[in-house]
Amino acid sequence: MKVCNIQDIDKFFQVIDACKGDVLLVTGEGDRLNLKSKLTQYVSLAKVFSSNGEIPEMELIADNEEDMARLIEFMVRGD
């Protein structure tokens, strides 16, 4: 799933932390990074701060269907 224009980074990571399974970030090079890892979240934040405080676009893969629904709900409603 591609996601765009995430503006509330804290809420986004709260949604990720609430997921039951792994949530993977697919980089432009094809690497898969587990966003459930705090280290990966910090690396992601560093990239956010270098792009004016927003996440413009990224691809996510969720192992669990409930987690995917949770992420879609966040993207649609923002909560």
C-alpha atoms as a PDB file:
ATOM      1  CA  MET A   1       0.000   0.000   0.000  1.00  0.00           C
ATOM      2  CA  LYS A   2       1.372   3.412  -0.915  1.00  0.00           C
ATOM      3  CA  VAL A   3       0.718   6.172   1.583  1.00  0.00           C
ATOM      4  CA  CYS A   4       1.156   9.879   0.989  1.00  0.00           C
ATOM      5  CA  ASN A   5       1.336  13.132   2.925  1.00  0.00           C
ATOM      6  CA  ILE A   6       1.440  11.861   6.479  1.00  0.00           C
ATOM      7  CA  GLN A   7       1.457  15.018   8.545  1.00  0.00           C
ATOM      8  CA  ASP A   8       0.903  13.697  12.092  1.00  0.00           C
ATOM      9  CA  ILE A   9       4.044  11.613  12.467  1.00  0.00           C
ATOM     10  CA  ASP A  10       3.465  10.882  16.174  1.00  0.00           C
ATOM     11  CA  LYS A  11      -0.028   9.524  15.532  1.00  0.00           C
ATOM     12  CA  PHE A  12       1.265   7.500  12.572  1.00  0.00           C
ATOM     13  CA  PHE A  13       3.850   5.753  14.772  1.00  0.00           C
ATOM     14  CA  GLN A  14       1.202   5.189  17.475  1.00  0.00           C
ATOM     15  CA  VAL A  15      -0.891   3.361  14.866  1.00  0.00           C
ATOM     16  CA  ILE A  16       2.184   1.345  13.815  1.00  0.00           C
ATOM     17  CA  ASP A  17       2.930   0.450  17.460  1.00  0.00           C
ATOM     18  CA  ALA A  18      -0.679  -0.749  17.922  1.00  0.00           C
ATOM     19  CA  CYS A  19      -0.372  -3.185  15.008  1.00  0.00           C
ATOM     20  CA  LYS A  20      -0.194  -6.875  15.942  1.00  0.00           C
ATOM     21  CA  GLY A  21       2.084  -7.996  13.125  1.00  0.00           C
ATOM     22  CA  ASP A  22       5.023  -6.497  11.300  1.00  0.00           C
ATOM     23  CA  VAL A  23       4.623  -3.341   9.243  1.00  0.00           C
ATOM     24  CA  LEU A  24       7.337  -3.003   6.640  1.00  0.00           C
ATOM     25  CA  LEU A  25       8.546   0.128   4.894  1.00  0.00           C
ATOM     26  CA  VAL A  26       9.747  -0.577   1.364  1.00  0.00           C
ATOM     27  CA  THR A  27      12.561   1.771   0.396  1.00  0.00           C
ATOM     28  CA  GLY A  28      13.220   3.094  -3.082  1.00  0.00           C
ATOM     29  CA  GLU A  29      16.009   0.526  -3.355  1.00  0.00           C
ATOM     30  CA  GLY A  30      13.620  -2.333  -2.508  1.00  0.00           C
ATOM     31  CA  ASP A  31      14.846  -2.892   1.049  1.00  0.00           C
ATOM     32  CA  ARG A  32      12.202  -3.776   3.632  1.00  0.00           C
ATOM     33  CA  LEU A  33      12.508  -2.123   7.035  1.00  0.00           C
ATOM     34  CA  ASN A  34      10.343  -3.141   9.981  1.00  0.00           C
ATOM     35  CA  LEU A  35       8.592  -0.011  11.290  1.00  0.00           C
ATOM     36  CA  LYS A  36       7.790  -1.798  14.549  1.00  0.00           C
ATOM     37  CA  SER A  37      11.477  -1.328  15.365  1.00  0.00           C
ATOM     38  CA  LYS A  38      12.176   1.874  17.298  1.00  0.00           C
ATOM     39  CA  LEU A  39      15.531   2.181  15.521  1.00  0.00           C
ATOM     40  CA  THR A  40      13.803   2.136  12.143  1.00  0.00           C
ATOM     41  CA  GLN A  41      11.279   4.690  13.394  1.00  0.00           C
ATOM     42  CA  TYR A  42      14.126   7.013  14.405  1.00  0.00           C
ATOM     43  CA  VAL A  43      15.783   6.594  11.015  1.00  0.00           C
ATOM     44  CA  SER A  44      12.441   7.374   9.366  1.00  0.00           C
ATOM     45  CA  LEU A  45      12.067  10.479  11.526  1.00  0.00           C
ATOM     46  CA  ALA A  46      15.478  11.693  10.404  1.00  0.00           C
ATOM     47  CA  LYS A  47      14.263  11.499   6.824  1.00  0.00           C
ATOM     48  CA  VAL A  48      11.048  13.316   7.759  1.00  0.00           C
ATOM     49  CA  PHE A  49      12.977  16.211   9.270  1.00  0.00           C
ATOM     50  CA  SER A  50      14.979  16.527   6.076  1.00  0.00           C
ATOM     51  CA  SER A  51      11.720  16.807   4.058  1.00  0.00           C
ATOM     52  CA  ASN A  52       9.943  19.706   5.835  1.00  0.00           C
ATOM     53  CA  GLY A  53       8.298  17.588   8.563  1.00  0.00           C
ATOM     54  CA  GLU A  54       6.061  15.487   6.315  1.00  0.00           C
ATOM     55  CA  ILE A  55       6.304  12.014   4.876  1.00  0.00           C
ATOM     56  CA  PRO A  56       5.547  12.689   1.209  1.00  0.00           C
ATOM     57  CA  GLU A  57       5.144   9.089  -0.001  1.00  0.00           C
ATOM     58  CA  MET A  58       6.136   5.602   1.034  1.00  0.00           C
ATOM     59  CA  GLU A  59       5.119   2.006   0.490  1.00  0.00           C
ATOM     60  CA  LEU A  60       3.988  -0.085   3.443  1.00  0.00           C
ATOM     61  CA  ILE A  61       3.325  -3.799   3.762  1.00  0.00           C
ATOM     62  CA  ALA A  62       1.365  -5.133   6.744  1.00  0.00           C
ATOM     63  CA  ASP A  63       1.482  -8.852   7.577  1.00  0.00           C
ATOM     64  CA  ASN A  64      -1.901  -8.810   9.308  1.00  0.00           C
ATOM     65  CA  GLU A  65      -5.206  -7.889   7.609  1.00  0.00           C
ATOM     66  CA  GLU A  66      -6.428  -6.119  10.760  1.00  0.00           C
ATOM     67  CA  ASP A  67      -3.263  -4.028  10.748  1.00  0.00           C
ATOM     68  CA  MET A  68      -3.819  -3.098   7.104  1.00  0.00           C
ATOM     69  CA  ALA A  69      -7.367  -2.007   7.966  1.00  0.00           C
ATOM     70  CA  ARG A  70      -5.987   0.031  10.887  1.00  0.00           C
ATOM     71  CA  LEU A  71      -3.488   1.770   8.592  1.00  0.00           C
ATOM     72  CA  ILE A  72      -6.153   2.486   5.960  1.00  0.00           C
ATOM     73  CA  GLU A  73      -8.430   3.920   8.658  1.00  0.00           C
ATOM     74  CA  PHE A  74      -5.600   6.212   9.785  1.00  0.00           C
ATOM     75  CA  MET A  75      -4.994   7.395   6.224  1.00  0.00           C
ATOM     76  CA  VAL A  76      -8.697   8.058   5.615  1.00  0.00           C
ATOM     77  CA  ARG A  77      -9.689   9.566   8.967  1.00  0.00           C
ATOM     78  CA  GLY A  78      -6.379  10.598  10.453  1.00  0.00           C
ATOM     79  CA  ASP A  79      -7.113   8.861  13.775  1.00  0.00           C
END
